[in-house]
Amino acid sequence: QGLGGDNNDALIPVMDLLNHKRGVGHSADVRYKLVESASDVPIRHVALVAAYDLKANSPIRNTYGAKGNSQLLNRYGFCIPRNIEPDGSCNDVVEFTKDGLSATVELRAGPKSYTFGGFARALECFREYEDRMG
């Protein structure tokens, strides 16, 4: 959930230095909280609050969610080698389209249950295209 209610992600200086923690069953070590001052001139700021008691000298981690490397690079400035979730799925998607194809096709890495649908749609689009072109 975005801090402004607009569902947009943004880097927050210094807070973006936290390590990324991901995977099923992992939660962030911190939460973000929007705080407004009660003065004549309202000032809004973001507070970073520990989700639980943190151990001294341990890294503080946040989760940016299950995102593909293009999203991570674009929004946060880093990528994850072998960006595969614990269940074998992958959020890295390659979209392609071709003039004359009926749809944009998404291909992704991972087990058959995640990859087969996109591959089958690609084949079907090319069959449709070939049928139309004669």
N, C-alpha and C. Protein backbone atom coordinates (compact mmCIF):
# COMPACT_ATOMS: atom_id res chain seq x y z
N GLN A 1 0.84 -1.17 0.00
CA GLN A 1 0.00 0.00 0.00
C GLN A 1 0.89 1.23 0.00
N GLY A 2 0.59 2.18 -0.88
CA GLY A 2 1.37 3.40 -0.96
C GLY A 2 1.06 4.33 0.20
N LEU A 3 2.00 5.17 0.53
CA LEU A 3 1.81 6.11 1.63
C LEU A 3 0.79 7.18 1.29
N GLY A 4 0.71 7.53 0.01
CA GLY A 4 -0.20 8.58 -0.39
C GLY A 4 -1.54 8.05 -0.84
N GLY A 5 -1.76 6.75 -0.78
CA GLY A 5 -3.02 6.19 -1.21
C GLY A 5 -3.15 6.09 -2.72
N ASP A 6 -2.09 6.44 -3.45
CA ASP A 6 -2.17 6.41 -4.92
C ASP A 6 -1.57 5.14 -5.50
N ASN A 7 -1.06 4.25 -4.62
CA ASN A 7 -0.51 2.97 -5.04
C ASN A 7 0.75 3.10 -5.89
N ASN A 8 1.45 4.21 -5.80
CA ASN A 8 2.71 4.41 -6.52
C ASN A 8 3.88 4.10 -5.61
N ASP A 9 4.94 3.54 -6.18
CA ASP A 9 6.17 3.31 -5.45
C ASP A 9 7.09 4.50 -5.63
N ALA A 10 7.93 4.74 -4.65
CA ALA A 10 8.92 5.80 -4.78
C ALA A 10 10.09 5.50 -3.86
N LEU A 11 11.27 5.96 -4.27
CA LEU A 11 12.44 5.86 -3.41
C LEU A 11 12.37 6.97 -2.37
N ILE A 12 12.71 6.64 -1.16
CA ILE A 12 12.78 7.63 -0.10
C ILE A 12 14.24 7.70 0.31
N PRO A 13 14.89 8.87 0.16
CA PRO A 13 16.32 8.97 0.48
C PRO A 13 16.63 8.38 1.85
N VAL A 14 17.72 7.70 1.95
CA VAL A 14 18.26 6.99 3.10
C VAL A 14 17.47 5.70 3.37
N MET A 15 16.15 5.75 3.31
CA MET A 15 15.36 4.54 3.55
C MET A 15 15.56 3.52 2.43
N ASP A 16 15.99 3.99 1.26
CA ASP A 16 16.22 3.06 0.16
C ASP A 16 17.54 2.31 0.31
N LEU A 17 18.29 2.57 1.37
CA LEU A 17 19.54 1.86 1.63
C LEU A 17 19.31 0.50 2.31
N LEU A 18 18.10 0.23 2.73
CA LEU A 18 17.80 -1.05 3.38
C LEU A 18 17.99 -2.19 2.39
N ASN A 19 18.41 -3.33 2.90
CA ASN A 19 18.54 -4.53 2.07
C ASN A 19 17.15 -5.06 1.73
N HIS A 20 17.05 -5.70 0.57
CA HIS A 20 15.79 -6.28 0.11
C HIS A 20 15.66 -7.69 0.68
N LYS A 21 14.51 -7.99 1.25
CA LYS A 21 14.21 -9.31 1.80
C LYS A 21 13.00 -9.83 1.04
N ARG A 22 13.08 -11.03 0.55
CA ARG A 22 11.96 -11.53 -0.25
C ARG A 22 11.72 -13.00 0.00
N GLY A 23 10.60 -13.46 -0.51
CA GLY A 23 10.27 -14.87 -0.42
C GLY A 23 9.07 -15.14 0.45
N VAL A 24 8.51 -16.31 0.28
CA VAL A 24 7.33 -16.71 1.03
C VAL A 24 7.67 -16.78 2.52
N GLY A 25 6.83 -16.22 3.34
CA GLY A 25 7.04 -16.28 4.79
C GLY A 25 7.97 -15.21 5.32
N HIS A 26 8.54 -14.39 4.45
CA HIS A 26 9.42 -13.31 4.90
C HIS A 26 8.63 -12.03 4.97
N SER A 27 8.80 -11.30 6.03
CA SER A 27 8.16 -9.99 6.12
C SER A 27 9.25 -8.95 6.37
N ALA A 28 8.92 -7.73 6.09
CA ALA A 28 9.88 -6.65 6.27
C ALA A 28 10.18 -6.46 7.75
N ASP A 29 11.37 -5.96 8.03
CA ASP A 29 11.77 -5.65 9.40
C ASP A 29 11.19 -4.32 9.85
N VAL A 30 10.70 -3.54 8.88
CA VAL A 30 10.23 -2.19 9.15
C VAL A 30 8.90 -1.93 8.47
N ARG A 31 8.23 -0.88 8.92
CA ARG A 31 7.02 -0.38 8.29
C ARG A 31 7.21 1.12 8.06
N TYR A 32 6.57 1.62 7.04
CA TYR A 32 6.57 3.05 6.78
C TYR A 32 5.28 3.63 7.31
N LYS A 33 5.36 4.83 7.83
CA LYS A 33 4.17 5.46 8.39
C LYS A 33 4.18 6.93 7.98
N LEU A 34 3.10 7.41 7.41
CA LEU A 34 2.97 8.81 7.03
C LEU A 34 2.53 9.60 8.26
N VAL A 35 3.30 10.65 8.57
CA VAL A 35 3.03 11.45 9.77
C VAL A 35 2.79 12.89 9.33
N GLU A 36 1.75 13.49 9.87
CA GLU A 36 1.48 14.90 9.59
C GLU A 36 1.60 15.69 10.89
N SER A 37 2.27 16.84 10.80
CA SER A 37 2.42 17.67 11.99
C SER A 37 1.11 18.40 12.26
N ALA A 38 0.90 18.78 13.50
CA ALA A 38 -0.32 19.48 13.89
C ALA A 38 -0.03 20.97 14.07
N SER A 39 0.71 21.54 13.13
CA SER A 39 1.04 22.97 13.23
C SER A 39 0.18 23.77 12.25
N ASP A 40 0.38 25.08 12.25
CA ASP A 40 -0.36 25.95 11.33
C ASP A 40 -0.05 25.60 9.88
N VAL A 41 1.20 25.23 9.64
CA VAL A 41 1.61 24.83 8.29
C VAL A 41 1.81 23.31 8.33
N PRO A 42 0.84 22.57 7.80
CA PRO A 42 0.97 21.11 7.87
C PRO A 42 2.22 20.61 7.14
N ILE A 43 2.98 19.79 7.82
CA ILE A 43 4.18 19.20 7.24
C ILE A 43 4.01 17.70 7.30
N ARG A 44 4.21 17.06 6.16
CA ARG A 44 4.10 15.60 6.11
C ARG A 44 5.50 15.00 5.99
N HIS A 45 5.73 13.93 6.72
CA HIS A 45 6.98 13.20 6.59
C HIS A 45 6.71 11.72 6.79
N VAL A 46 7.71 10.94 6.45
CA VAL A 46 7.59 9.49 6.56
C VAL A 46 8.45 9.02 7.72
N ALA A 47 7.86 8.23 8.60
CA ALA A 47 8.59 7.63 9.71
C ALA A 47 8.83 6.16 9.39
N LEU A 48 10.00 5.69 9.71
CA LEU A 48 10.36 4.29 9.55
C LEU A 48 10.29 3.66 10.93
N VAL A 49 9.42 2.64 11.09
CA VAL A 49 9.16 2.05 12.40
C VAL A 49 9.53 0.57 12.35
N ALA A 50 10.26 0.11 13.35
CA ALA A 50 10.62 -1.31 13.42
C ALA A 50 9.36 -2.15 13.60
N ALA A 51 9.28 -3.25 12.88
CA ALA A 51 8.12 -4.15 12.97
C ALA A 51 8.19 -5.02 14.23
N TYR A 52 9.38 -5.16 14.77
CA TYR A 52 9.60 -5.95 15.98
C TYR A 52 10.93 -5.52 16.57
N ASP A 53 11.31 -6.06 17.73
CA ASP A 53 12.60 -5.71 18.34
C ASP A 53 13.72 -6.21 17.45
N LEU A 54 14.57 -5.30 17.01
CA LEU A 54 15.69 -5.66 16.13
C LEU A 54 16.93 -5.93 16.97
N LYS A 55 17.72 -6.89 16.52
CA LYS A 55 18.96 -7.22 17.22
C LYS A 55 20.04 -6.19 16.85
N ALA A 56 20.89 -5.87 17.79
CA ALA A 56 21.98 -4.93 17.55
C ALA A 56 22.89 -5.45 16.45
N ASN A 57 23.33 -4.58 15.59
CA ASN A 57 24.28 -4.86 14.50
C ASN A 57 23.73 -5.80 13.42
N SER A 58 22.45 -6.06 13.43
CA SER A 58 21.88 -6.89 12.36
C SER A 58 21.39 -5.97 11.23
N PRO A 59 21.44 -6.46 9.99
CA PRO A 59 20.96 -5.62 8.88
C PRO A 59 19.45 -5.41 9.00
N ILE A 60 19.01 -4.25 8.58
CA ILE A 60 17.57 -3.96 8.56
C ILE A 60 17.10 -4.17 7.14
N ARG A 61 16.06 -4.96 6.98
CA ARG A 61 15.60 -5.33 5.64
C ARG A 61 14.16 -4.89 5.41
N ASN A 62 13.91 -4.58 4.18
CA ASN A 62 12.58 -4.21 3.71
C ASN A 62 12.23 -5.14 2.56
N THR A 63 10.98 -5.26 2.24
CA THR A 63 10.61 -6.02 1.07
C THR A 63 9.94 -5.09 0.06
N TYR A 64 10.38 -5.18 -1.16
CA TYR A 64 9.78 -4.39 -2.24
C TYR A 64 8.72 -5.21 -2.96
N GLY A 65 8.48 -6.42 -2.51
CA GLY A 65 7.46 -7.27 -3.11
C GLY A 65 8.03 -8.13 -4.21
N ALA A 66 7.18 -8.97 -4.76
CA ALA A 66 7.56 -9.86 -5.85
C ALA A 66 7.53 -9.06 -7.14
N LYS A 67 8.68 -8.65 -7.59
CA LYS A 67 8.78 -7.83 -8.80
C LYS A 67 9.84 -8.40 -9.72
N GLY A 68 9.67 -8.18 -11.00
CA GLY A 68 10.66 -8.56 -11.99
C GLY A 68 11.85 -7.62 -11.94
N ASN A 69 12.97 -8.04 -12.52
CA ASN A 69 14.17 -7.21 -12.51
C ASN A 69 13.98 -5.87 -13.21
N SER A 70 13.15 -5.82 -14.25
CA SER A 70 12.94 -4.53 -14.92
C SER A 70 12.26 -3.56 -13.96
N GLN A 71 11.31 -4.03 -13.16
CA GLN A 71 10.66 -3.17 -12.18
C GLN A 71 11.63 -2.78 -11.06
N LEU A 72 12.39 -3.75 -10.56
CA LEU A 72 13.34 -3.46 -9.49
C LEU A 72 14.39 -2.44 -9.94
N LEU A 73 14.91 -2.60 -11.15
CA LEU A 73 15.91 -1.67 -11.66
C LEU A 73 15.31 -0.28 -11.88
N ASN A 74 14.16 -0.23 -12.49
CA ASN A 74 13.51 1.04 -12.78
C ASN A 74 13.11 1.79 -11.51
N ARG A 75 12.57 1.08 -10.54
CA ARG A 75 12.05 1.73 -9.34
C ARG A 75 13.06 1.89 -8.22
N TYR A 76 13.98 0.90 -8.08
CA TYR A 76 14.84 0.89 -6.90
C TYR A 76 16.33 0.86 -7.21
N GLY A 77 16.70 0.67 -8.47
CA GLY A 77 18.10 0.75 -8.85
C GLY A 77 18.92 -0.51 -8.65
N PHE A 78 18.30 -1.67 -8.53
CA PHE A 78 19.07 -2.92 -8.41
C PHE A 78 18.32 -4.05 -9.09
N CYS A 79 19.04 -5.14 -9.34
CA CYS A 79 18.46 -6.37 -9.91
C CYS A 79 18.88 -7.54 -9.04
N ILE A 80 18.17 -8.65 -9.19
CA ILE A 80 18.47 -9.86 -8.44
C ILE A 80 18.89 -10.95 -9.43
N PRO A 81 20.11 -11.49 -9.29
CA PRO A 81 20.48 -12.61 -10.15
C PRO A 81 19.53 -13.79 -9.91
N ARG A 82 19.15 -14.48 -10.94
CA ARG A 82 18.22 -15.61 -10.84
C ARG A 82 17.01 -15.22 -10.00
N ASN A 83 16.25 -14.27 -10.48
CA ASN A 83 15.11 -13.70 -9.77
C ASN A 83 13.93 -14.68 -9.77
N ILE A 84 14.11 -15.77 -9.06
CA ILE A 84 13.12 -16.85 -8.98
C ILE A 84 12.55 -16.89 -7.57
N GLU A 85 11.23 -16.94 -7.47
CA GLU A 85 10.57 -17.03 -6.16
C GLU A 85 10.74 -18.44 -5.59
N PRO A 86 10.56 -18.61 -4.29
CA PRO A 86 10.71 -19.94 -3.68
C PRO A 86 9.80 -21.01 -4.30
N ASP A 87 8.64 -20.60 -4.85
CA ASP A 87 7.75 -21.58 -5.46
C ASP A 87 8.14 -21.90 -6.90
N GLY A 88 9.25 -21.31 -7.39
CA GLY A 88 9.72 -21.57 -8.74
C GLY A 88 9.22 -20.59 -9.77
N SER A 89 8.30 -19.72 -9.39
CA SER A 89 7.80 -18.73 -10.34
C SER A 89 8.82 -17.63 -10.54
N CYS A 90 8.65 -16.89 -11.60
CA CYS A 90 9.56 -15.80 -11.91
C CYS A 90 8.75 -14.58 -12.30
N ASN A 91 9.13 -13.44 -11.79
CA ASN A 91 8.45 -12.20 -12.10
C ASN A 91 9.09 -11.47 -13.27
N ASP A 92 10.17 -12.01 -13.81
CA ASP A 92 10.79 -11.44 -14.99
C ASP A 92 9.98 -11.85 -16.20
N VAL A 93 9.43 -10.88 -16.89
CA VAL A 93 8.56 -11.13 -18.03
C VAL A 93 9.13 -10.45 -19.25
N VAL A 94 9.15 -11.16 -20.36
CA VAL A 94 9.51 -10.58 -21.65
C VAL A 94 8.23 -10.47 -22.45
N GLU A 95 7.88 -9.25 -22.80
CA GLU A 95 6.69 -9.03 -23.61
C GLU A 95 7.12 -8.81 -25.05
N PHE A 96 6.41 -9.42 -25.95
CA PHE A 96 6.70 -9.12 -27.36
C PHE A 96 5.41 -9.06 -28.15
N THR A 97 5.48 -8.28 -29.19
CA THR A 97 4.35 -8.16 -30.11
C THR A 97 4.93 -7.99 -31.50
N LYS A 98 4.13 -8.27 -32.48
CA LYS A 98 4.56 -8.13 -33.87
C LYS A 98 3.37 -7.60 -34.64
N ASP A 99 3.62 -6.71 -35.57
CA ASP A 99 2.53 -6.21 -36.40
C ASP A 99 1.76 -7.41 -36.95
N GLY A 100 0.48 -7.36 -36.80
CA GLY A 100 -0.35 -8.45 -37.32
C GLY A 100 -0.70 -9.50 -36.28
N LEU A 101 0.00 -9.53 -35.15
CA LEU A 101 -0.36 -10.48 -34.09
C LEU A 101 -1.57 -9.94 -33.34
N SER A 102 -2.41 -10.83 -32.85
CA SER A 102 -3.64 -10.41 -32.19
C SER A 102 -3.43 -9.96 -30.75
N ALA A 103 -2.26 -10.21 -30.16
CA ALA A 103 -2.06 -9.86 -28.76
C ALA A 103 -0.58 -9.69 -28.46
N THR A 104 -0.31 -9.04 -27.35
CA THR A 104 1.04 -9.01 -26.80
C THR A 104 1.20 -10.29 -25.99
N VAL A 105 2.32 -10.95 -26.16
CA VAL A 105 2.56 -12.23 -25.49
C VAL A 105 3.59 -12.02 -24.39
N GLU A 106 3.33 -12.59 -23.23
CA GLU A 106 4.26 -12.52 -22.11
C GLU A 106 4.91 -13.88 -21.91
N LEU A 107 6.24 -13.89 -21.90
CA LEU A 107 6.99 -15.12 -21.63
C LEU A 107 7.77 -14.92 -20.34
N ARG A 108 7.85 -15.98 -19.54
CA ARG A 108 8.59 -15.89 -18.29
C ARG A 108 9.32 -17.21 -18.03
N ALA A 109 10.33 -17.15 -17.19
CA ALA A 109 11.08 -18.34 -16.80
C ALA A 109 10.36 -19.02 -15.63
N GLY A 110 10.66 -20.27 -15.42
CA GLY A 110 10.09 -20.99 -14.28
C GLY A 110 9.59 -22.36 -14.70
N PRO A 111 8.89 -23.03 -13.80
CA PRO A 111 8.37 -24.36 -14.12
C PRO A 111 7.27 -24.27 -15.18
N LYS A 112 6.92 -25.42 -15.75
CA LYS A 112 5.93 -25.46 -16.84
C LYS A 112 4.64 -24.74 -16.49
N SER A 113 4.18 -24.85 -15.26
CA SER A 113 2.90 -24.24 -14.90
C SER A 113 2.94 -22.73 -15.08
N TYR A 114 4.12 -22.12 -15.03
CA TYR A 114 4.25 -20.67 -15.21
C TYR A 114 4.62 -20.29 -16.64
N THR A 115 5.26 -21.17 -17.34
CA THR A 115 5.79 -20.82 -18.65
C THR A 115 4.94 -21.31 -19.81
N PHE A 116 4.21 -22.38 -19.63
CA PHE A 116 3.52 -23.00 -20.75
C PHE A 116 2.44 -22.10 -21.34
N GLY A 117 1.66 -21.42 -20.49
CA GLY A 117 0.56 -20.58 -20.98
C GLY A 117 1.04 -19.51 -21.95
N GLY A 118 2.10 -18.79 -21.61
CA GLY A 118 2.63 -17.75 -22.49
C GLY A 118 3.17 -18.33 -23.78
N PHE A 119 3.85 -19.46 -23.68
CA PHE A 119 4.40 -20.11 -24.87
C PHE A 119 3.28 -20.57 -25.79
N ALA A 120 2.22 -21.16 -25.21
CA ALA A 120 1.08 -21.61 -26.01
C ALA A 120 0.38 -20.43 -26.69
N ARG A 121 0.23 -19.29 -25.96
CA ARG A 121 -0.37 -18.10 -26.57
C ARG A 121 0.47 -17.58 -27.72
N ALA A 122 1.80 -17.62 -27.56
CA ALA A 122 2.68 -17.17 -28.64
C ALA A 122 2.49 -18.03 -29.88
N LEU A 123 2.46 -19.35 -29.72
CA LEU A 123 2.25 -20.24 -30.86
C LEU A 123 0.91 -19.97 -31.53
N GLU A 124 -0.13 -19.79 -30.72
CA GLU A 124 -1.47 -19.52 -31.27
C GLU A 124 -1.49 -18.20 -32.05
N CYS A 125 -0.85 -17.18 -31.53
CA CYS A 125 -0.79 -15.89 -32.24
C CYS A 125 -0.09 -16.05 -33.58
N PHE A 126 1.00 -16.79 -33.60
CA PHE A 126 1.73 -16.98 -34.86
C PHE A 126 0.92 -17.83 -35.84
N ARG A 127 0.17 -18.80 -35.33
CA ARG A 127 -0.70 -19.59 -36.22
C ARG A 127 -1.77 -18.69 -36.84
N GLU A 128 -2.41 -17.84 -36.02
CA GLU A 128 -3.41 -16.91 -36.52
C GLU A 128 -2.80 -15.98 -37.59
N TYR A 129 -1.62 -15.49 -37.30
CA TYR A 129 -0.92 -14.58 -38.21
C TYR A 129 -0.63 -15.30 -39.55
N GLU A 130 -0.13 -16.52 -39.44
CA GLU A 130 0.19 -17.29 -40.65
C GLU A 130 -1.07 -17.59 -41.47
N ASP A 131 -2.16 -17.91 -40.77
CA ASP A 131 -3.43 -18.15 -41.47
C ASP A 131 -3.91 -16.90 -42.22
N ARG A 132 -3.79 -15.74 -41.59
CA ARG A 132 -4.22 -14.50 -42.24
C ARG A 132 -3.34 -14.13 -43.42
N MET A 133 -2.04 -14.42 -43.31
CA MET A 133 -1.10 -14.04 -44.36
C MET A 133 -1.10 -15.04 -45.52
N GLY A 134 -1.68 -16.20 -45.28
CA GLY A 134 -1.81 -17.19 -46.34
C GLY A 134 -0.62 -18.02 -46.49
